[in-house]
PDB file of all heavy atoms in Angstrom:
ATOM      1  N   MET A   1       3.018 -13.833  -2.844  1.00  0.00           N
ATOM      2  CA  MET A   1       2.077 -13.597  -3.911  1.00  0.00           C
ATOM      3  C   MET A   1       2.557 -12.433  -4.754  1.00  0.00           C
ATOM      4  O   MET A   1       3.322 -11.598  -4.317  1.00  0.00           O
ATOM      5  CB  MET A   1       0.702 -13.341  -3.322  1.00  0.00           C
ATOM      6  CG  MET A   1      -0.368 -13.175  -4.351  1.00  0.00           C
ATOM      7  SD  MET A   1      -2.001 -13.236  -3.620  1.00  0.00           S
ATOM      8  CE  MET A   1      -2.617 -14.613  -4.526  1.00  0.00           C
ATOM      9  N   VAL A   2       2.101 -12.381  -5.973  1.00  0.00           N
ATOM     10  CA  VAL A   2       2.534 -11.389  -6.945  1.00  0.00           C
ATOM     11  C   VAL A   2       2.324  -9.964  -6.444  1.00  0.00           C
ATOM     12  O   VAL A   2       3.157  -9.098  -6.664  1.00  0.00           O
ATOM     13  CB  VAL A   2       1.808 -11.606  -8.286  1.00  0.00           C
ATOM     14  CG1 VAL A   2       2.145 -10.518  -9.266  1.00  0.00           C
ATOM     15  CG2 VAL A   2       2.164 -12.957  -8.862  1.00  0.00           C
ATOM     16  N   LYS A   3       1.241  -9.726  -5.754  1.00  0.00           N
ATOM     17  CA  LYS A   3       0.954  -8.354  -5.328  1.00  0.00           C
ATOM     18  C   LYS A   3       2.034  -7.787  -4.412  1.00  0.00           C
ATOM     19  O   LYS A   3       2.179  -6.586  -4.305  1.00  0.00           O
ATOM     20  CB  LYS A   3      -0.416  -8.265  -4.666  1.00  0.00           C
ATOM     21  CG  LYS A   3      -0.533  -9.016  -3.368  1.00  0.00           C
ATOM     22  CD  LYS A   3      -1.939  -8.925  -2.826  1.00  0.00           C
ATOM     23  CE  LYS A   3      -2.074  -9.774  -1.583  1.00  0.00           C
ATOM     24  NZ  LYS A   3      -3.399  -9.782  -1.070  1.00  0.00           N
ATOM     25  N   HIS A   4       2.831  -8.648  -3.799  1.00  0.00           N
ATOM     26  CA  HIS A   4       3.863  -8.167  -2.890  1.00  0.00           C
ATOM     27  C   HIS A   4       5.040  -7.524  -3.608  1.00  0.00           C
ATOM     28  O   HIS A   4       5.797  -6.797  -2.996  1.00  0.00           O
ATOM     29  CB  HIS A   4       4.342  -9.293  -1.987  1.00  0.00           C
ATOM     30  CG  HIS A   4       3.276  -9.776  -1.057  1.00  0.00           C
ATOM     31  ND1 HIS A   4       2.732  -8.984  -0.081  1.00  0.00           N
ATOM     32  CD2 HIS A   4       2.628 -10.953  -0.986  1.00  0.00           C
ATOM     33  CE1 HIS A   4       1.795  -9.663   0.559  1.00  0.00           C
ATOM     34  NE2 HIS A   4       1.706 -10.858   0.019  1.00  0.00           N
ATOM     35  N   ILE A   5       5.192  -7.761  -4.901  1.00  0.00           N
ATOM     36  CA  ILE A   5       6.317  -7.142  -5.596  1.00  0.00           C
ATOM     37  C   ILE A   5       6.171  -5.641  -5.680  1.00  0.00           C
ATOM     38  O   ILE A   5       7.135  -4.926  -5.848  1.00  0.00           O
ATOM     39  CB  ILE A   5       6.520  -7.736  -6.998  1.00  0.00           C
ATOM     40  CG1 ILE A   5       5.375  -7.375  -7.911  1.00  0.00           C
ATOM     41  CG2 ILE A   5       6.771  -9.209  -6.943  1.00  0.00           C
ATOM     42  CD1 ILE A   5       5.743  -7.390  -9.339  1.00  0.00           C
ATOM     43  N   LEU A   6       4.961  -5.171  -5.581  1.00  0.00           N
ATOM     44  CA  LEU A   6       4.729  -3.735  -5.630  1.00  0.00           C
ATOM     45  C   LEU A   6       4.332  -3.205  -4.255  1.00  0.00           C
ATOM     46  O   LEU A   6       3.645  -2.213  -4.136  1.00  0.00           O
ATOM     47  CB  LEU A   6       3.655  -3.422  -6.674  1.00  0.00           C
ATOM     48  CG  LEU A   6       4.061  -3.797  -8.097  1.00  0.00           C
ATOM     49  CD1 LEU A   6       2.863  -3.694  -9.028  1.00  0.00           C
ATOM     50  CD2 LEU A   6       5.197  -2.957  -8.590  1.00  0.00           C
ATOM     51  N   ALA A   7       4.808  -3.883  -3.232  1.00  0.00           N
ATOM     52  CA  ALA A   7       4.427  -3.525  -1.872  1.00  0.00           C
ATOM     53  C   ALA A   7       4.845  -2.108  -1.503  1.00  0.00           C
ATOM     54  O   ALA A   7       4.231  -1.506  -0.632  1.00  0.00           O
ATOM     55  CB  ALA A   7       5.016  -4.516  -0.876  1.00  0.00           C
ATOM     56  N   SER A   8       5.873  -1.596  -2.156  1.00  0.00           N
ATOM     57  CA  SER A   8       6.279  -0.231  -1.839  1.00  0.00           C
ATOM     58  C   SER A   8       5.185   0.770  -2.179  1.00  0.00           C
ATOM     59  O   SER A   8       5.169   1.873  -1.662  1.00  0.00           O
ATOM     60  CB  SER A   8       7.564   0.123  -2.576  1.00  0.00           C
ATOM     61  OG  SER A   8       7.341   0.092  -3.964  1.00  0.00           O
ATOM     62  N   CYS A   9       4.240   0.358  -3.014  1.00  0.00           N
ATOM     63  CA  CYS A   9       3.125   1.230  -3.386  1.00  0.00           C
ATOM     64  C   CYS A   9       1.914   1.014  -2.488  1.00  0.00           C
ATOM     65  O   CYS A   9       0.898   1.663  -2.663  1.00  0.00           O
ATOM     66  CB  CYS A   9       2.715   0.968  -4.828  1.00  0.00           C
ATOM     67  SG  CYS A   9       3.995   1.342  -6.007  1.00  0.00           S
ATOM     68  N   SER A  10       2.006   0.080  -1.586  1.00  0.00           N
ATOM     69  CA  SER A  10       0.828  -0.311  -0.816  1.00  0.00           C
ATOM     70  C   SER A  10       0.957   0.055   0.658  1.00  0.00           C
ATOM     71  O   SER A  10       2.025   0.068   1.216  1.00  0.00           O
ATOM     72  CB  SER A  10       0.614  -1.820  -0.933  1.00  0.00           C
ATOM     73  OG  SER A  10       0.391  -2.150  -2.268  1.00  0.00           O
ATOM     74  N   LEU A  11      -0.176   0.308   1.250  1.00  0.00           N
ATOM     75  CA  LEU A  11      -0.273   0.482   2.692  1.00  0.00           C
ATOM     76  C   LEU A  11      -0.975  -0.743   3.241  1.00  0.00           C
ATOM     77  O   LEU A  11      -1.932  -1.227   2.652  1.00  0.00           O
ATOM     78  CB  LEU A  11      -1.107   1.717   3.033  1.00  0.00           C
ATOM     79  CG  LEU A  11      -0.505   3.048   2.661  1.00  0.00           C
ATOM     80  CD1 LEU A  11      -1.526   4.159   2.890  1.00  0.00           C
ATOM     81  CD2 LEU A  11       0.732   3.310   3.460  1.00  0.00           C
ATOM     82  N   MET A  12      -0.541  -1.250   4.380  1.00  0.00           N
ATOM     83  CA  MET A  12      -1.192  -2.413   4.957  1.00  0.00           C
ATOM     84  C   MET A  12      -2.171  -1.947   6.027  1.00  0.00           C
ATOM     85  O   MET A  12      -1.818  -1.219   6.934  1.00  0.00           O
ATOM     86  CB  MET A  12      -0.147  -3.338   5.575  1.00  0.00           C
ATOM     87  CG  MET A  12      -0.713  -4.647   6.048  1.00  0.00           C
ATOM     88  SD  MET A  12      -1.520  -5.523   4.716  1.00  0.00           S
ATOM     89  CE  MET A  12      -0.188  -6.530   4.189  1.00  0.00           C
ATOM     90  N   LEU A  13      -3.399  -2.322   5.866  1.00  0.00           N
ATOM     91  CA  LEU A  13      -4.409  -1.981   6.866  1.00  0.00           C
ATOM     92  C   LEU A  13      -4.279  -2.927   8.047  1.00  0.00           C
ATOM     93  O   LEU A  13      -4.144  -4.126   7.875  1.00  0.00           O
ATOM     94  CB  LEU A  13      -5.818  -2.113   6.291  1.00  0.00           C
ATOM     95  CG  LEU A  13      -6.240  -1.044   5.324  1.00  0.00           C
ATOM     96  CD1 LEU A  13      -7.629  -1.344   4.792  1.00  0.00           C
ATOM     97  CD2 LEU A  13      -6.217   0.300   5.983  1.00  0.00           C
ATOM     98  N   LEU A  14      -4.335  -2.391   9.220  1.00  0.00           N
ATOM     99  CA  LEU A  14      -4.240  -3.205  10.419  1.00  0.00           C
ATOM    100  C   LEU A  14      -5.613  -3.656  10.899  1.00  0.00           C
ATOM    101  O   LEU A  14      -5.763  -4.141  12.007  1.00  0.00           O
ATOM    102  CB  LEU A  14      -3.535  -2.408  11.533  1.00  0.00           C
ATOM    103  CG  LEU A  14      -2.108  -1.989  11.186  1.00  0.00           C
ATOM    104  CD1 LEU A  14      -1.531  -1.140  12.295  1.00  0.00           C
ATOM    105  CD2 LEU A  14      -1.239  -3.195  10.922  1.00  0.00           C
ATOM    106  N   LEU A  15      -6.599  -3.499  10.030  1.00  0.00           N
ATOM    107  CA  LEU A  15      -7.958  -3.867  10.385  1.00  0.00           C
ATOM    108  C   LEU A  15      -8.266  -5.312  10.043  1.00  0.00           C
ATOM    109  O   LEU A  15      -9.355  -5.797  10.322  1.00  0.00           O
ATOM    110  CB  LEU A  15      -8.955  -2.982   9.633  1.00  0.00           C
ATOM    111  CG  LEU A  15      -8.864  -1.500   9.899  1.00  0.00           C
ATOM    112  CD1 LEU A  15      -9.756  -0.746   8.937  1.00  0.00           C
ATOM    113  CD2 LEU A  15      -9.258  -1.215  11.322  1.00  0.00           C
ATOM    114  N   GLY A  16      -7.348  -5.972   9.392  1.00  0.00           N
ATOM    115  CA  GLY A  16      -7.615  -7.336   8.964  1.00  0.00           C
ATOM    116  C   GLY A  16      -8.474  -7.394   7.718  1.00  0.00           C
ATOM    117  O   GLY A  16      -9.061  -8.413   7.422  1.00  0.00           O
ATOM    118  N   VAL A  17      -8.544  -6.289   6.960  1.00  0.00           N
ATOM    119  CA  VAL A  17      -9.372  -6.274   5.762  1.00  0.00           C
ATOM    120  C   VAL A  17      -8.548  -6.283   4.488  1.00  0.00           C
ATOM    121  O   VAL A  17      -9.104  -6.367   3.412  1.00  0.00           O
ATOM    122  CB  VAL A  17     -10.347  -5.072   5.740  1.00  0.00           C
ATOM    123  CG1 VAL A  17     -11.365  -5.192   6.829  1.00  0.00           C
ATOM    124  CG2 VAL A  17      -9.606  -3.762   5.814  1.00  0.00           C
ATOM    125  N   GLY A  18      -7.233  -6.200   4.570  1.00  0.00           N
ATOM    126  CA  GLY A  18      -6.423  -6.287   3.367  1.00  0.00           C
ATOM    127  C   GLY A  18      -5.457  -5.136   3.246  1.00  0.00           C
ATOM    128  O   GLY A  18      -5.244  -4.385   4.178  1.00  0.00           O
ATOM    129  N   SER A  19      -4.864  -5.019   2.071  1.00  0.00           N
ATOM    130  CA  SER A  19      -3.929  -3.931   1.806  1.00  0.00           C
ATOM    131  C   SER A  19      -4.574  -2.954   0.849  1.00  0.00           C
ATOM    132  O   SER A  19      -5.473  -3.296   0.111  1.00  0.00           O
ATOM    133  CB  SER A  19      -2.631  -4.488   1.207  1.00  0.00           C
ATOM    134  OG  SER A  19      -2.911  -5.111  -0.024  1.00  0.00           O
ATOM    135  N   LEU A  20      -4.095  -1.743   0.882  1.00  0.00           N
ATOM    136  CA  LEU A  20      -4.694  -0.718   0.059  1.00  0.00           C
ATOM    137  C   LEU A  20      -3.614   0.140  -0.579  1.00  0.00           C
ATOM    138  O   LEU A  20      -2.924   0.873   0.110  1.00  0.00           O
ATOM    139  CB  LEU A  20      -5.593   0.171   0.913  1.00  0.00           C
ATOM    140  CG  LEU A  20      -6.354   1.236   0.174  1.00  0.00           C
ATOM    141  CD1 LEU A  20      -7.307   0.607  -0.842  1.00  0.00           C
ATOM    142  CD2 LEU A  20      -7.135   2.085   1.136  1.00  0.00           C
ATOM    143  N   PRO A  21      -3.451   0.057  -1.891  1.00  0.00           N
ATOM    144  CA  PRO A  21      -2.419   0.867  -2.528  1.00  0.00           C
ATOM    145  C   PRO A  21      -2.936   2.242  -2.909  1.00  0.00           C
ATOM    146  O   PRO A  21      -3.517   2.411  -3.950  1.00  0.00           O
ATOM    147  CB  PRO A  21      -2.051   0.073  -3.769  1.00  0.00           C
ATOM    148  CG  PRO A  21      -3.318  -0.608  -4.132  1.00  0.00           C
ATOM    149  CD  PRO A  21      -4.041  -0.864  -2.823  1.00  0.00           C
ATOM    150  N   VAL A  22      -2.714   3.183  -2.068  1.00  0.00           N
ATOM    151  CA  VAL A  22      -3.097   4.552  -2.367  1.00  0.00           C
ATOM    152  C   VAL A  22      -1.885   5.406  -2.053  1.00  0.00           C
ATOM    153  O   VAL A  22      -1.341   5.354  -0.967  1.00  0.00           O
ATOM    154  CB  VAL A  22      -4.296   5.002  -1.510  1.00  0.00           C
ATOM    155  CG1 VAL A  22      -4.633   6.450  -1.790  1.00  0.00           C
ATOM    156  CG2 VAL A  22      -5.496   4.118  -1.783  1.00  0.00           C
ATOM    157  N   GLN A  23      -1.455   6.169  -3.035  1.00  0.00           N
ATOM    158  CA  GLN A  23      -0.289   7.011  -2.840  1.00  0.00           C
ATOM    159  C   GLN A  23      -0.715   8.465  -2.799  1.00  0.00           C
ATOM    160  O   GLN A  23      -1.572   8.883  -3.563  1.00  0.00           O
ATOM    161  CB  GLN A  23       0.695   6.841  -3.994  1.00  0.00           C
ATOM    162  CG  GLN A  23       1.286   5.465  -4.066  1.00  0.00           C
ATOM    163  CD  GLN A  23       2.193   5.336  -5.276  1.00  0.00           C
ATOM    164  OE1 GLN A  23       1.865   5.785  -6.352  1.00  0.00           O
ATOM    165  NE2 GLN A  23       3.322   4.720  -5.065  1.00  0.00           N
ATOM    166  N   ALA A  24      -0.098   9.198  -1.929  1.00  0.00           N
ATOM    167  CA  ALA A  24      -0.339  10.636  -1.889  1.00  0.00           C
ATOM    168  C   ALA A  24       0.300  11.274  -3.110  1.00  0.00           C
ATOM    169  O   ALA A  24       1.285  10.780  -3.629  1.00  0.00           O
ATOM    170  CB  ALA A  24       0.259  11.226  -0.613  1.00  0.00           C
ATOM    171  N   GLN A  25      -0.256  12.364  -3.574  1.00  0.00           N
ATOM    172  CA  GLN A  25       0.254  13.030  -4.766  1.00  0.00           C
ATOM    173  C   GLN A  25       1.554  13.770  -4.484  1.00  0.00           C
ATOM    174  O   GLN A  25       2.354  13.951  -5.375  1.00  0.00           O
ATOM    175  CB  GLN A  25      -0.796  14.008  -5.292  1.00  0.00           C
ATOM    176  CG  GLN A  25      -2.042  13.325  -5.792  1.00  0.00           C
ATOM    177  CD  GLN A  25      -1.759  12.396  -6.951  1.00  0.00           C
ATOM    178  OE1 GLN A  25      -1.001  12.716  -7.852  1.00  0.00           O
ATOM    179  NE2 GLN A  25      -2.346  11.211  -6.927  1.00  0.00           N
ATOM    180  N   SER A  26       1.768  14.200  -3.262  1.00  0.00           N
ATOM    181  CA  SER A  26       2.989  14.927  -2.963  1.00  0.00           C
ATOM    182  C   SER A  26       4.158  13.957  -2.867  1.00  0.00           C
ATOM    183  O   SER A  26       4.002  12.828  -2.438  1.00  0.00           O
ATOM    184  CB  SER A  26       2.838  15.694  -1.647  1.00  0.00           C
ATOM    185  OG  SER A  26       2.701  14.798  -0.583  1.00  0.00           O
ATOM    186  N   PRO A  27       5.362  14.389  -3.257  1.00  0.00           N
ATOM    187  CA  PRO A  27       6.501  13.488  -3.231  1.00  0.00           C
ATOM    188  C   PRO A  27       6.928  13.104  -1.828  1.00  0.00           C
ATOM    189  O   PRO A  27       7.513  12.065  -1.630  1.00  0.00           O
ATOM    190  CB  PRO A  27       7.600  14.276  -3.950  1.00  0.00           C
ATOM    191  CG  PRO A  27       7.157  15.698  -3.941  1.00  0.00           C
ATOM    192  CD  PRO A  27       5.671  15.692  -3.806  1.00  0.00           C
ATOM    193  N   SER A  28       6.622  13.914  -0.842  1.00  0.00           N
ATOM    194  CA  SER A  28       7.042  13.609   0.514  1.00  0.00           C
ATOM    195  C   SER A  28       5.854  13.696   1.471  1.00  0.00           C
ATOM    196  O   SER A  28       5.303  14.781   1.673  1.00  0.00           O
ATOM    197  CB  SER A  28       8.124  14.595   0.963  1.00  0.00           C
ATOM    198  OG  SER A  28       8.426  14.389   2.320  1.00  0.00           O
ATOM    199  N   PRO A  29       5.459  12.577   2.089  1.00  0.00           N
ATOM    200  CA  PRO A  29       4.329  12.630   3.003  1.00  0.00           C
ATOM    201  C   PRO A  29       4.692  13.148   4.386  1.00  0.00           C
ATOM    202  O   PRO A  29       3.857  13.239   5.244  1.00  0.00           O
ATOM    203  CB  PRO A  29       3.883  11.169   3.085  1.00  0.00           C
ATOM    204  CG  PRO A  29       5.122  10.388   2.828  1.00  0.00           C
ATOM    205  CD  PRO A  29       5.938  11.241   1.879  1.00  0.00           C
TER     206      PRO A  29
END
């Protein structure tokens, strides 16, 4: 699916509820 092209911006929830693209503001987590 199209949303996977930006997967590097996404976190995958292991809860079975979907993916969530939230990036930390700092360059290195």
